[in-house]
Each structure stands twice: as C-alpha cells, then as structure tokens.
Amino acid sequence: MKAALRNHPKMKFGGGIASSWPPQCGGSYDANTRFPIGEQGTLKRVEFLPADRSMPDRLWVTIEYLGNSSSGILQIDDIATLPKLDSFLRSHIGEELSVIGALEVDL
C-alpha cells in the first residue's frame, strides 16, 4: 500500500496505538538548546539496529536542527517492513523531515 510516510498505516508502534513518524529525538545540551518538535529538522543519519534483549529491530536516526544534532529510535510494529523503511529514509538523508513525511512510500 502506498501512502504518505506520516500517514502510512505501517508507521505505527505499540500495537498500532502510537505513530512512529516523526521520530522522537533528544540529546543533552545546555538549558537554552531547542530540540526539534514534530517534523522540524533535517535527517542526517539512519542506522539499522538489530534486536537485542531489550528491544526489537529498530532504526537509530540522527536529526540536525538549529545547528545541533539529536538522535532517537524509530520503531514500527511490523519489523518485516523495517528494511524498506531503512532504505527509503537513507535515500532522503539531507532532506527536511516535513518533506520526507509528505512523500509517498510503499511499505
């Protein structure tokens, strides 16, 4: 099924309750640092992380916003779809999250 990434039915986690897009990122900086909210920022890196004792397969994403980098985990319920999502996101490194979220993808 093809749909905009931000609305794609496979972009769910937690039994379909929570949306996985945009990725939630954070980091440690000073008290004045502003972190991206929603689809703010530019995608800088995507890394596939295989399952371990604490978590299933997932993607580690790095976002740049206002000159700062922040990272977070992107998980989806249907882990069989993760390689397609990984490939899709890697092909859009350097683009704004708002642009990526609007793109149609077939997961």
PDB file of N, CA and C in Angstrom:
ATOM      1  N   MET A   1       0.836  -1.181   0.000  1.00  0.00           N
ATOM      2  CA  MET A   1       0.000   0.000   0.000  1.00  0.00           C
ATOM      3  C   MET A   1       0.883   1.248   0.000  1.00  0.00           C
ATOM      4  N   LYS A   2       0.551   2.172  -0.848  1.00  0.00           N
ATOM      5  CA  LYS A   2       1.307   3.413  -0.966  1.00  0.00           C
ATOM      6  C   LYS A   2       0.546   4.523  -0.240  1.00  0.00           C
ATOM      7  N   ALA A   3       1.287   5.274   0.595  1.00  0.00           N
ATOM      8  CA  ALA A   3       0.703   6.401   1.328  1.00  0.00           C
ATOM      9  C   ALA A   3       1.827   7.330   1.750  1.00  0.00           C
ATOM     10  N   ALA A   4       1.460   8.560   2.103  1.00  0.00           N
ATOM     11  CA  ALA A   4       2.454   9.495   2.639  1.00  0.00           C
ATOM     12  C   ALA A   4       3.043   8.884   3.905  1.00  0.00           C
ATOM     13  N   LEU A   5       4.341   9.005   4.081  1.00  0.00           N
ATOM     14  CA  LEU A   5       5.012   8.390   5.222  1.00  0.00           C
ATOM     15  C   LEU A   5       4.339   8.764   6.536  1.00  0.00           C
ATOM     16  N   ARG A   6       4.008  10.031   6.726  1.00  0.00           N
ATOM     17  CA  ARG A   6       3.444  10.473   8.004  1.00  0.00           C
ATOM     18  C   ARG A   6       2.078   9.848   8.302  1.00  0.00           C
ATOM     19  N   ASN A   7       1.378   9.373   7.267  1.00  0.00           N
ATOM     20  CA  ASN A   7       0.056   8.776   7.452  1.00  0.00           C
ATOM     21  C   ASN A   7       0.015   7.285   7.142  1.00  0.00           C
ATOM     22  N   HIS A   8       1.152   6.716   6.809  1.00  0.00           N
ATOM     23  CA  HIS A   8       1.164   5.315   6.384  1.00  0.00           C
ATOM     24  C   HIS A   8       0.733   4.414   7.537  1.00  0.00           C
ATOM     25  N   PRO A   9      -0.191   3.470   7.266  1.00  0.00           N
ATOM     26  CA  PRO A   9      -0.676   2.594   8.336  1.00  0.00           C
ATOM     27  C   PRO A   9       0.405   1.712   8.966  1.00  0.00           C
ATOM     28  N   LYS A  10       1.510   1.487   8.273  1.00  0.00           N
ATOM     29  CA  LYS A  10       2.587   0.668   8.840  1.00  0.00           C
ATOM     30  C   LYS A  10       3.536   1.478   9.720  1.00  0.00           C
ATOM     31  N   MET A  11       3.330   2.790   9.783  1.00  0.00           N
ATOM     32  CA  MET A  11       4.169   3.646  10.631  1.00  0.00           C
ATOM     33  C   MET A  11       3.542   3.766  12.022  1.00  0.00           C
ATOM     34  N   LYS A  12       3.286   2.613  12.631  1.00  0.00           N
ATOM     35  CA  LYS A  12       2.684   2.543  13.966  1.00  0.00           C
ATOM     36  C   LYS A  12       3.546   1.673  14.866  1.00  0.00           C
ATOM     37  N   PHE A  13       3.448   1.962  16.159  1.00  0.00           N
ATOM     38  CA  PHE A  13       4.180   1.192  17.152  1.00  0.00           C
ATOM     39  C   PHE A  13       3.323   1.071  18.411  1.00  0.00           C
ATOM     40  N   GLY A  14       3.586   0.036  19.176  1.00  0.00           N
ATOM     41  CA  GLY A  14       2.831  -0.158  20.415  1.00  0.00           C
ATOM     42  C   GLY A  14       1.461  -0.747  20.163  1.00  0.00           C
ATOM     43  N   GLY A  15       1.406  -1.710  19.236  1.00  0.00           N
ATOM     44  CA  GLY A  15       0.115  -2.319  18.915  1.00  0.00           C
ATOM     45  C   GLY A  15      -0.765  -1.424  18.066  1.00  0.00           C
ATOM     46  N   GLY A  16      -0.145  -0.536  17.312  1.00  0.00           N
ATOM     47  CA  GLY A  16      -0.896   0.346  16.418  1.00  0.00           C
ATOM     48  C   GLY A  16      -1.412   1.603  17.092  1.00  0.00           C
ATOM     49  N   ILE A  17      -1.039   1.809  18.349  1.00  0.00           N
ATOM     50  CA  ILE A  17      -1.538   2.961  19.105  1.00  0.00           C
ATOM     51  C   ILE A  17      -0.797   4.243  18.744  1.00  0.00           C
ATOM     52  N   ALA A  18       0.515   4.161  18.709  1.00  0.00           N
ATOM     53  CA  ALA A  18       1.342   5.360  18.532  1.00  0.00           C
ATOM     54  C   ALA A  18       1.904   5.455  17.126  1.00  0.00           C
ATOM     55  N   SER A  19       1.970   6.671  16.612  1.00  0.00           N
ATOM     56  CA  SER A  19       2.601   6.912  15.321  1.00  0.00           C
ATOM     57  C   SER A  19       4.113   6.939  15.498  1.00  0.00           C
ATOM     58  N   SER A  20       4.817   6.356  14.544  1.00  0.00           N
ATOM     59  CA  SER A  20       6.280   6.331  14.597  1.00  0.00           C
ATOM     60  C   SER A  20       6.909   7.522  13.887  1.00  0.00           C
ATOM     61  N   TRP A  21       6.105   8.295  13.186  1.00  0.00           N
ATOM     62  CA  TRP A  21       6.629   9.439  12.461  1.00  0.00           C
ATOM     63  C   TRP A  21       5.975  10.701  12.980  1.00  0.00           C
ATOM     64  N   PRO A  22       6.714  11.733  13.227  1.00  0.00           N
ATOM     65  CA  PRO A  22       8.161  11.853  13.095  1.00  0.00           C
ATOM     66  C   PRO A  22       8.876  11.177  14.260  1.00  0.00           C
ATOM     67  N   PRO A  23      10.146  10.827  14.046  1.00  0.00           N
ATOM     68  CA  PRO A  23      10.899  10.197  15.135  1.00  0.00           C
ATOM     69  C   PRO A  23      11.085  11.173  16.295  1.00  0.00           C
ATOM     70  N   GLN A  24      11.025  10.643  17.498  1.00  0.00           N
ATOM     71  CA  GLN A  24      11.243  11.450  18.699  1.00  0.00           C
ATOM     72  C   GLN A  24      12.729  11.433  19.019  1.00  0.00           C
ATOM     73  N   CYS A  25      13.334  12.589  19.040  1.00  0.00           N
ATOM     74  CA  CYS A  25      14.778  12.683  19.251  1.00  0.00           C
ATOM     75  C   CYS A  25      15.089  13.573  20.441  1.00  0.00           C
ATOM     76  N   GLY A  26      16.245  13.361  20.981  1.00  0.00           N
ATOM     77  CA  GLY A  26      16.696  14.173  22.101  1.00  0.00           C
ATOM     78  C   GLY A  26      18.205  14.115  22.216  1.00  0.00           C
ATOM     79  N   GLY A  27      18.726  14.748  23.217  1.00  0.00           N
ATOM     80  CA  GLY A  27      20.151  14.768  23.459  1.00  0.00           C
ATOM     81  C   GLY A  27      20.420  15.595  24.693  1.00  0.00           C
ATOM     82  N   SER A  28      21.659  15.791  25.003  1.00  0.00           N
ATOM     83  CA  SER A  28      21.973  16.607  26.182  1.00  0.00           C
ATOM     84  C   SER A  28      22.800  17.810  25.746  1.00  0.00           C
ATOM     85  N   TYR A  29      22.261  18.968  26.015  1.00  0.00           N
ATOM     86  CA  TYR A  29      22.913  20.224  25.697  1.00  0.00           C
ATOM     87  C   TYR A  29      22.666  21.160  26.869  1.00  0.00           C
ATOM     88  N   ASP A  30      22.801  22.457  26.666  1.00  0.00           N
ATOM     89  CA  ASP A  30      22.556  23.386  27.766  1.00  0.00           C
ATOM     90  C   ASP A  30      21.070  23.736  27.870  1.00  0.00           C
ATOM     91  N   ALA A  31      20.742  24.525  28.859  1.00  0.00           N
ATOM     92  CA  ALA A  31      19.340  24.855  29.137  1.00  0.00           C
ATOM     93  C   ALA A  31      18.673  25.655  28.023  1.00  0.00           C
ATOM     94  N   ASN A  32      19.446  26.271  27.157  1.00  0.00           N
ATOM     95  CA  ASN A  32      18.883  27.095  26.079  1.00  0.00           C
ATOM     96  C   ASN A  32      18.706  26.333  24.770  1.00  0.00           C
ATOM     97  N   THR A  33      19.122  25.081  24.710  1.00  0.00           N
ATOM     98  CA  THR A  33      19.023  24.298  23.485  1.00  0.00           C
ATOM     99  C   THR A  33      17.563  24.002  23.174  1.00  0.00           C
ATOM    100  N   ARG A  34      17.204  24.219  21.922  1.00  0.00           N
ATOM    101  CA  ARG A  34      15.845  23.896  21.455  1.00  0.00           C
ATOM    102  C   ARG A  34      15.917  22.634  20.623  1.00  0.00           C
ATOM    103  N   PHE A  35      15.094  21.659  20.986  1.00  0.00           N
ATOM    104  CA  PHE A  35      15.037  20.394  20.256  1.00  0.00           C
ATOM    105  C   PHE A  35      13.913  20.445  19.229  1.00  0.00           C
ATOM    106  N   PRO A  36      14.050  19.655  18.164  1.00  0.00           N
ATOM    107  CA  PRO A  36      13.004  19.651  17.141  1.00  0.00           C
ATOM    108  C   PRO A  36      11.685  19.139  17.696  1.00  0.00           C
ATOM    109  N   ILE A  37      10.616  19.739  17.230  1.00  0.00           N
ATOM    110  CA  ILE A  37       9.264  19.310  17.582  1.00  0.00           C
ATOM    111  C   ILE A  37       8.570  18.916  16.287  1.00  0.00           C
ATOM    112  N   GLY A  38       7.937  17.772  16.300  1.00  0.00           N
ATOM    113  CA  GLY A  38       7.241  17.319  15.108  1.00  0.00           C
ATOM    114  C   GLY A  38       8.214  17.055  13.974  1.00  0.00           C
ATOM    115  N   GLU A  39       7.928  17.594  12.816  1.00  0.00           N
ATOM    116  CA  GLU A  39       8.744  17.354  11.626  1.00  0.00           C
ATOM    117  C   GLU A  39       9.784  18.439  11.395  1.00  0.00           C
ATOM    118  N   GLN A  40      10.283  19.053  12.436  1.00  0.00           N
ATOM    119  CA  GLN A  40      11.338  20.057  12.298  1.00  0.00           C
ATOM    120  C   GLN A  40      12.687  19.355  12.185  1.00  0.00           C
ATOM    121  N   GLY A  41      13.571  19.926  11.414  1.00  0.00           N
ATOM    122  CA  GLY A  41      14.925  19.420  11.310  1.00  0.00           C
ATOM    123  C   GLY A  41      15.190  18.676  10.023  1.00  0.00           C
ATOM    124  N   THR A  42      16.452  18.315   9.860  1.00  0.00           N
ATOM    125  CA  THR A  42      16.949  17.638   8.663  1.00  0.00           C
ATOM    126  C   THR A  42      17.472  16.261   9.050  1.00  0.00           C
ATOM    127  N   LEU A  43      17.122  15.263   8.268  1.00  0.00           N
ATOM    128  CA  LEU A  43      17.604  13.908   8.513  1.00  0.00           C
ATOM    129  C   LEU A  43      19.076  13.829   8.134  1.00  0.00           C
ATOM    130  N   LYS A  44      19.915  13.418   9.080  1.00  0.00           N
ATOM    131  CA  LYS A  44      21.353  13.366   8.852  1.00  0.00           C
ATOM    132  C   LYS A  44      21.912  11.950   8.793  1.00  0.00           C
ATOM    133  N   ARG A  45      21.283  11.008   9.494  1.00  0.00           N
ATOM    134  CA  ARG A  45      21.831   9.658   9.528  1.00  0.00           C
ATOM    135  C   ARG A  45      20.740   8.668   9.892  1.00  0.00           C
ATOM    136  N   VAL A  46      20.845   7.459   9.319  1.00  0.00           N
ATOM    137  CA  VAL A  46      19.941   6.357   9.635  1.00  0.00           C
ATOM    138  C   VAL A  46      20.798   5.110   9.803  1.00  0.00           C
ATOM    139  N   GLU A  47      20.568   4.396  10.881  1.00  0.00           N
ATOM    140  CA  GLU A  47      21.322   3.169  11.147  1.00  0.00           C
ATOM    141  C   GLU A  47      20.358   2.085  11.616  1.00  0.00           C
ATOM    142  N   PHE A  48      20.468   0.901  11.016  1.00  0.00           N
ATOM    143  CA  PHE A  48      19.648  -0.243  11.426  1.00  0.00           C
ATOM    144  C   PHE A  48      20.263  -0.867  12.673  1.00  0.00           C
ATOM    145  N   LEU A  49      19.458  -1.036  13.716  1.00  0.00           N
ATOM    146  CA  LEU A  49      19.915  -1.700  14.934  1.00  0.00           C
ATOM    147  C   LEU A  49      19.151  -3.010  15.096  1.00  0.00           C
ATOM    148  N   PRO A  50      19.856  -4.139  15.091  1.00  0.00           N
ATOM    149  CA  PRO A  50      19.174  -5.427  15.250  1.00  0.00           C
ATOM    150  C   PRO A  50      18.643  -5.608  16.673  1.00  0.00           C
ATOM    151  N   ALA A  51      17.698  -6.500  16.795  1.00  0.00           N
ATOM    152  CA  ALA A  51      17.094  -6.791  18.099  1.00  0.00           C
ATOM    153  C   ALA A  51      18.152  -7.203  19.110  1.00  0.00           C
ATOM    154  N   ASP A  52      17.899  -6.819  20.343  1.00  0.00           N
ATOM    155  CA  ASP A  52      18.740  -7.267  21.451  1.00  0.00           C
ATOM    156  C   ASP A  52      17.798  -7.669  22.598  1.00  0.00           C
ATOM    157  N   ARG A  53      18.322  -7.870  23.763  1.00  0.00           N
ATOM    158  CA  ARG A  53      17.485  -8.322  24.885  1.00  0.00           C
ATOM    159  C   ARG A  53      16.414  -7.312  25.284  1.00  0.00           C
ATOM    160  N   SER A  54      16.668  -6.059  25.026  1.00  0.00           N
ATOM    161  CA  SER A  54      15.738  -5.030  25.490  1.00  0.00           C
ATOM    162  C   SER A  54      14.775  -4.498  24.430  1.00  0.00           C
ATOM    163  N   MET A  55      15.132  -4.635  23.142  1.00  0.00           N
ATOM    164  CA  MET A  55      14.301  -4.027  22.105  1.00  0.00           C
ATOM    165  C   MET A  55      14.313  -4.853  20.822  1.00  0.00           C
ATOM    166  N   PRO A  56      13.234  -4.762  20.037  1.00  0.00           N
ATOM    167  CA  PRO A  56      13.213  -5.420  18.726  1.00  0.00           C
ATOM    168  C   PRO A  56      14.052  -4.635  17.714  1.00  0.00           C
ATOM    169  N   ASP A  57      14.140  -5.143  16.478  1.00  0.00           N
ATOM    170  CA  ASP A  57      14.804  -4.393  15.403  1.00  0.00           C
ATOM    171  C   ASP A  57      14.242  -2.981  15.371  1.00  0.00           C
ATOM    172  N   ARG A  58      15.112  -2.016  15.083  1.00  0.00           N
ATOM    173  CA  ARG A  58      14.695  -0.626  15.037  1.00  0.00           C
ATOM    174  C   ARG A  58      15.709   0.186  14.254  1.00  0.00           C
ATOM    175  N   LEU A  59      15.377   1.437  14.008  1.00  0.00           N
ATOM    176  CA  LEU A  59      16.286   2.356  13.334  1.00  0.00           C
ATOM    177  C   LEU A  59      16.738   3.427  14.317  1.00  0.00           C
ATOM    178  N   TRP A  60      18.010   3.780  14.247  1.00  0.00           N
ATOM    179  CA  TRP A  60      18.568   4.887  15.006  1.00  0.00           C
ATOM    180  C   TRP A  60      18.693   6.032  14.027  1.00  0.00           C
ATOM    181  N   VAL A  61      18.050   7.146  14.298  1.00  0.00           N
ATOM    182  CA  VAL A  61      18.084   8.282  13.379  1.00  0.00           C
ATOM    183  C   VAL A  61      18.728   9.483  14.062  1.00  0.00           C
ATOM    184  N   THR A  62      19.425  10.253  13.263  1.00  0.00           N
ATOM    185  CA  THR A  62      20.036  11.491  13.744  1.00  0.00           C
ATOM    186  C   THR A  62      19.466  12.637  12.930  1.00  0.00           C
ATOM    187  N   ILE A  63      19.082  13.690  13.631  1.00  0.00           N
ATOM    188  CA  ILE A  63      18.441  14.859  13.031  1.00  0.00           C
ATOM    189  C   ILE A  63      19.262  16.090  13.397  1.00  0.00           C
ATOM    190  N   GLU A  64      19.368  17.017  12.474  1.00  0.00           N
ATOM    191  CA  GLU A  64      20.003  18.298  12.780  1.00  0.00           C
ATOM    192  C   GLU A  64      18.934  19.377  12.792  1.00  0.00           C
ATOM    193  N   TYR A  65      18.973  20.180  13.846  1.00  0.00           N
ATOM    194  CA  TYR A  65      18.003  21.264  13.996  1.00  0.00           C
ATOM    195  C   TYR A  65      18.683  22.437  14.681  1.00  0.00           C
ATOM    196  N   LEU A  66      18.637  23.596  14.069  1.00  0.00           N
ATOM    197  CA  LEU A  66      19.255  24.817  14.594  1.00  0.00           C
ATOM    198  C   LEU A  66      20.719  24.614  14.960  1.00  0.00           C
ATOM    199  N   GLY A  67      21.421  23.849  14.126  1.00  0.00           N
ATOM    200  CA  GLY A  67      22.844  23.642  14.311  1.00  0.00           C
ATOM    201  C   GLY A  67      23.217  22.561  15.304  1.00  0.00           C
ATOM    202  N   ASN A  68      22.243  21.922  15.933  1.00  0.00           N
ATOM    203  CA  ASN A  68      22.502  20.859  16.899  1.00  0.00           C
ATOM    204  C   ASN A  68      22.008  19.519  16.360  1.00  0.00           C
ATOM    205  N   SER A  69      22.704  18.464  16.732  1.00  0.00           N
ATOM    206  CA  SER A  69      22.282  17.115  16.366  1.00  0.00           C
ATOM    207  C   SER A  69      21.552  16.478  17.532  1.00  0.00           C
ATOM    208  N   SER A  70      20.505  15.747  17.217  1.00  0.00           N
ATOM    209  CA  SER A  70      19.802  14.958  18.219  1.00  0.00           C
ATOM    210  C   SER A  70      19.483  13.609  17.591  1.00  0.00           C
ATOM    211  N   SER A  71      19.383  12.603  18.429  1.00  0.00           N
ATOM    212  CA  SER A  71      19.178  11.244  17.943  1.00  0.00           C
ATOM    213  C   SER A  71      18.021  10.583  18.665  1.00  0.00           C
ATOM    214  N   GLY A  72      17.485   9.551  18.033  1.00  0.00           N
ATOM    215  CA  GLY A  72      16.404   8.800  18.647  1.00  0.00           C
ATOM    216  C   GLY A  72      16.156   7.506  17.918  1.00  0.00           C
ATOM    217  N   ILE A  73      15.282   6.716  18.498  1.00  0.00           N
ATOM    218  CA  ILE A  73      14.939   5.406  17.951  1.00  0.00           C
ATOM    219  C   ILE A  73      13.607   5.506  17.235  1.00  0.00           C
ATOM    220  N   LEU A  74      13.548   4.891  16.064  1.00  0.00           N
ATOM    221  CA  LEU A  74      12.311   4.802  15.305  1.00  0.00           C
ATOM    222  C   LEU A  74      11.931   3.328  15.261  1.00  0.00           C
ATOM    223  N   GLN A  75      10.793   2.982  15.847  1.00  0.00           N
ATOM    224  CA  GLN A  75      10.311   1.604  15.873  1.00  0.00           C
ATOM    225  C   GLN A  75       8.973   1.512  15.174  1.00  0.00           C
ATOM    226  N   ILE A  76       8.722   0.355  14.564  1.00  0.00           N
ATOM    227  CA  ILE A  76       7.413   0.065  13.986  1.00  0.00           C
ATOM    228  C   ILE A  76       7.022  -1.351  14.379  1.00  0.00           C
ATOM    229  N   ASP A  77       5.722  -1.589  14.466  1.00  0.00           N
ATOM    230  CA  ASP A  77       5.236  -2.911  14.865  1.00  0.00           C
ATOM    231  C   ASP A  77       5.626  -3.994  13.868  1.00  0.00           C
ATOM    232  N   ASP A  78       5.496  -3.708  12.583  1.00  0.00           N
ATOM    233  CA  ASP A  78       5.773  -4.692  11.533  1.00  0.00           C
ATOM    234  C   ASP A  78       7.264  -4.638  11.185  1.00  0.00           C
ATOM    235  N   ILE A  79       8.087  -5.368  11.956  1.00  0.00           N
ATOM    236  CA  ILE A  79       9.538  -5.280  11.760  1.00  0.00           C
ATOM    237  C   ILE A  79       9.986  -5.829  10.415  1.00  0.00           C
ATOM    238  N   ALA A  80       9.147  -6.641   9.753  1.00  0.00           N
ATOM    239  CA  ALA A  80       9.489  -7.125   8.412  1.00  0.00           C
ATOM    240  C   ALA A  80       9.548  -5.965   7.418  1.00  0.00           C
ATOM    241  N   THR A  81       8.893  -4.873   7.736  1.00  0.00           N
ATOM    242  CA  THR A  81       8.868  -3.675   6.889  1.00  0.00           C
ATOM    243  C   THR A  81      10.086  -2.786   7.121  1.00  0.00           C
ATOM    244  N   LEU A  82      10.797  -3.009   8.212  1.00  0.00           N
ATOM    245  CA  LEU A  82      11.905  -2.132   8.588  1.00  0.00           C
ATOM    246  C   LEU A  82      12.989  -1.988   7.515  1.00  0.00           C
ATOM    247  N   PRO A  83      13.409  -3.049   6.814  1.00  0.00           N
ATOM    248  CA  PRO A  83      14.423  -2.850   5.761  1.00  0.00           C
ATOM    249  C   PRO A  83      13.971  -1.880   4.662  1.00  0.00           C
ATOM    250  N   LYS A  84      12.694  -1.938   4.273  1.00  0.00           N
ATOM    251  CA  LYS A  84      12.185  -1.000   3.258  1.00  0.00           C
ATOM    252  C   LYS A  84      12.212   0.426   3.793  1.00  0.00           C
ATOM    253  N   LEU A  85      11.809   0.592   5.049  1.00  0.00           N
ATOM    254  CA  LEU A  85      11.816   1.913   5.659  1.00  0.00           C
ATOM    255  C   LEU A  85      13.243   2.439   5.782  1.00  0.00           C
ATOM    256  N   ASP A  86      14.156   1.578   6.173  1.00  0.00           N
ATOM    257  CA  ASP A  86      15.575   1.943   6.280  1.00  0.00           C
ATOM    258  C   ASP A  86      16.093   2.449   4.937  1.00  0.00           C
ATOM    259  N   SER A  87      15.835   1.706   3.886  1.00  0.00           N
ATOM    260  CA  SER A  87      16.286   2.086   2.549  1.00  0.00           C
ATOM    261  C   SER A  87      15.658   3.411   2.106  1.00  0.00           C
ATOM    262  N   PHE A  88      14.367   3.546   2.353  1.00  0.00           N
ATOM    263  CA  PHE A  88      13.656   4.768   1.979  1.00  0.00           C
ATOM    264  C   PHE A  88      14.263   5.980   2.685  1.00  0.00           C
ATOM    265  N   LEU A  89      14.446   5.875   3.991  1.00  0.00           N
ATOM    266  CA  LEU A  89      14.976   7.011   4.741  1.00  0.00           C
ATOM    267  C   LEU A  89      16.409   7.341   4.340  1.00  0.00           C
ATOM    268  N   ARG A  90      17.228   6.318   4.123  1.00  0.00           N
ATOM    269  CA  ARG A  90      18.613   6.571   3.698  1.00  0.00           C
ATOM    270  C   ARG A  90      18.662   7.322   2.366  1.00  0.00           C
ATOM    271  N   SER A  91      17.693   7.077   1.510  1.00  0.00           N
ATOM    272  CA  SER A  91      17.675   7.765   0.210  1.00  0.00           C
ATOM    273  C   SER A  91      17.251   9.231   0.337  1.00  0.00           C
ATOM    274  N   HIS A  92      16.842   9.630   1.553  1.00  0.00           N
ATOM    275  CA  HIS A  92      16.401  11.015   1.765  1.00  0.00           C
ATOM    276  C   HIS A  92      17.220  11.742   2.831  1.00  0.00           C
ATOM    277  N   ILE A  93      18.412  11.231   3.115  1.00  0.00           N
ATOM    278  CA  ILE A  93      19.302  11.925   4.050  1.00  0.00           C
ATOM    279  C   ILE A  93      19.631  13.297   3.477  1.00  0.00           C
ATOM    280  N   GLY A  94      19.605  14.288   4.339  1.00  0.00           N
ATOM    281  CA  GLY A  94      19.856  15.661   3.919  1.00  0.00           C
ATOM    282  C   GLY A  94      18.590  16.447   3.645  1.00  0.00           C
ATOM    283  N   GLU A  95      17.446  15.780   3.703  1.00  0.00           N
ATOM    284  CA  GLU A  95      16.171  16.457   3.447  1.00  0.00           C
ATOM    285  C   GLU A  95      15.454  16.778   4.756  1.00  0.00           C
ATOM    286  N   GLU A  96      14.585  17.772   4.693  1.00  0.00           N
ATOM    287  CA  GLU A  96      13.784  18.172   5.848  1.00  0.00           C
ATOM    288  C   GLU A  96      12.775  17.068   6.189  1.00  0.00           C
ATOM    289  N   LEU A  97      12.546  16.852   7.486  1.00  0.00           N
ATOM    290  CA  LEU A  97      11.585  15.836   7.912  1.00  0.00           C
ATOM    291  C   LEU A  97      10.189  16.113   7.368  1.00  0.00           C
ATOM    292  N   SER A  98       9.814  17.385   7.265  1.00  0.00           N
ATOM    293  CA  SER A  98       8.484  17.721   6.748  1.00  0.00           C
ATOM    294  C   SER A  98       8.331  17.291   5.291  1.00  0.00           C
ATOM    295  N   VAL A  99       9.409  17.384   4.521  1.00  0.00           N
ATOM    296  CA  VAL A  99       9.381  16.944   3.115  1.00  0.00           C
ATOM    297  C   VAL A  99       9.303  15.419   3.065  1.00  0.00           C
ATOM    298  N   ILE A 100      10.114  14.748   3.866  1.00  0.00           N
ATOM    299  CA  ILE A 100      10.129  13.283   3.892  1.00  0.00           C
ATOM    300  C   ILE A 100       8.762  12.753   4.319  1.00  0.00           C
ATOM    301  N   GLY A 101       8.175  13.356   5.338  1.00  0.00           N
ATOM    302  CA  GLY A 101       6.872  12.910   5.835  1.00  0.00           C
ATOM    303  C   GLY A 101       5.768  12.995   4.798  1.00  0.00           C
ATOM    304  N   ALA A 102       5.883  13.913   3.850  1.00  0.00           N
ATOM    305  CA  ALA A 102       4.870  14.092   2.807  1.00  0.00           C
ATOM    306  C   ALA A 102       5.058  13.135   1.629  1.00  0.00           C
ATOM    307  N   LEU A 103       6.215  12.501   1.538  1.00  0.00           N
ATOM    308  CA  LEU A 103       6.493  11.614   0.398  1.00  0.00           C
ATOM    309  C   LEU A 103       5.699  10.320   0.492  1.00  0.00           C
ATOM    310  N   GLU A 104       5.223   9.865  -0.657  1.00  0.00           N
ATOM    311  CA  GLU A 104       4.525   8.579  -0.697  1.00  0.00           C
ATOM    312  C   GLU A 104       5.543   7.449  -0.718  1.00  0.00           C
ATOM    313  N   VAL A 105       5.247   6.420   0.070  1.00  0.00           N
ATOM    314  CA  VAL A 105       6.125   5.271   0.176  1.00  0.00           C
ATOM    315  C   VAL A 105       5.268   4.006   0.187  1.00  0.00           C
ATOM    316  N   ASP A 106       5.788   2.967  -0.406  1.00  0.00           N
ATOM    317  CA  ASP A 106       5.097   1.676  -0.434  1.00  0.00           C
ATOM    318  C   ASP A 106       5.800   0.741   0.543  1.00  0.00           C
ATOM    319  N   LEU A 107       5.274   0.646   1.741  1.00  0.00           N
ATOM    320  CA  LEU A 107       5.854  -0.229   2.751  1.00  0.00           C
ATOM    321  C   LEU A 107       5.097  -1.538   2.801  1.00  0.00           C
TER     322      LEU A 107
END
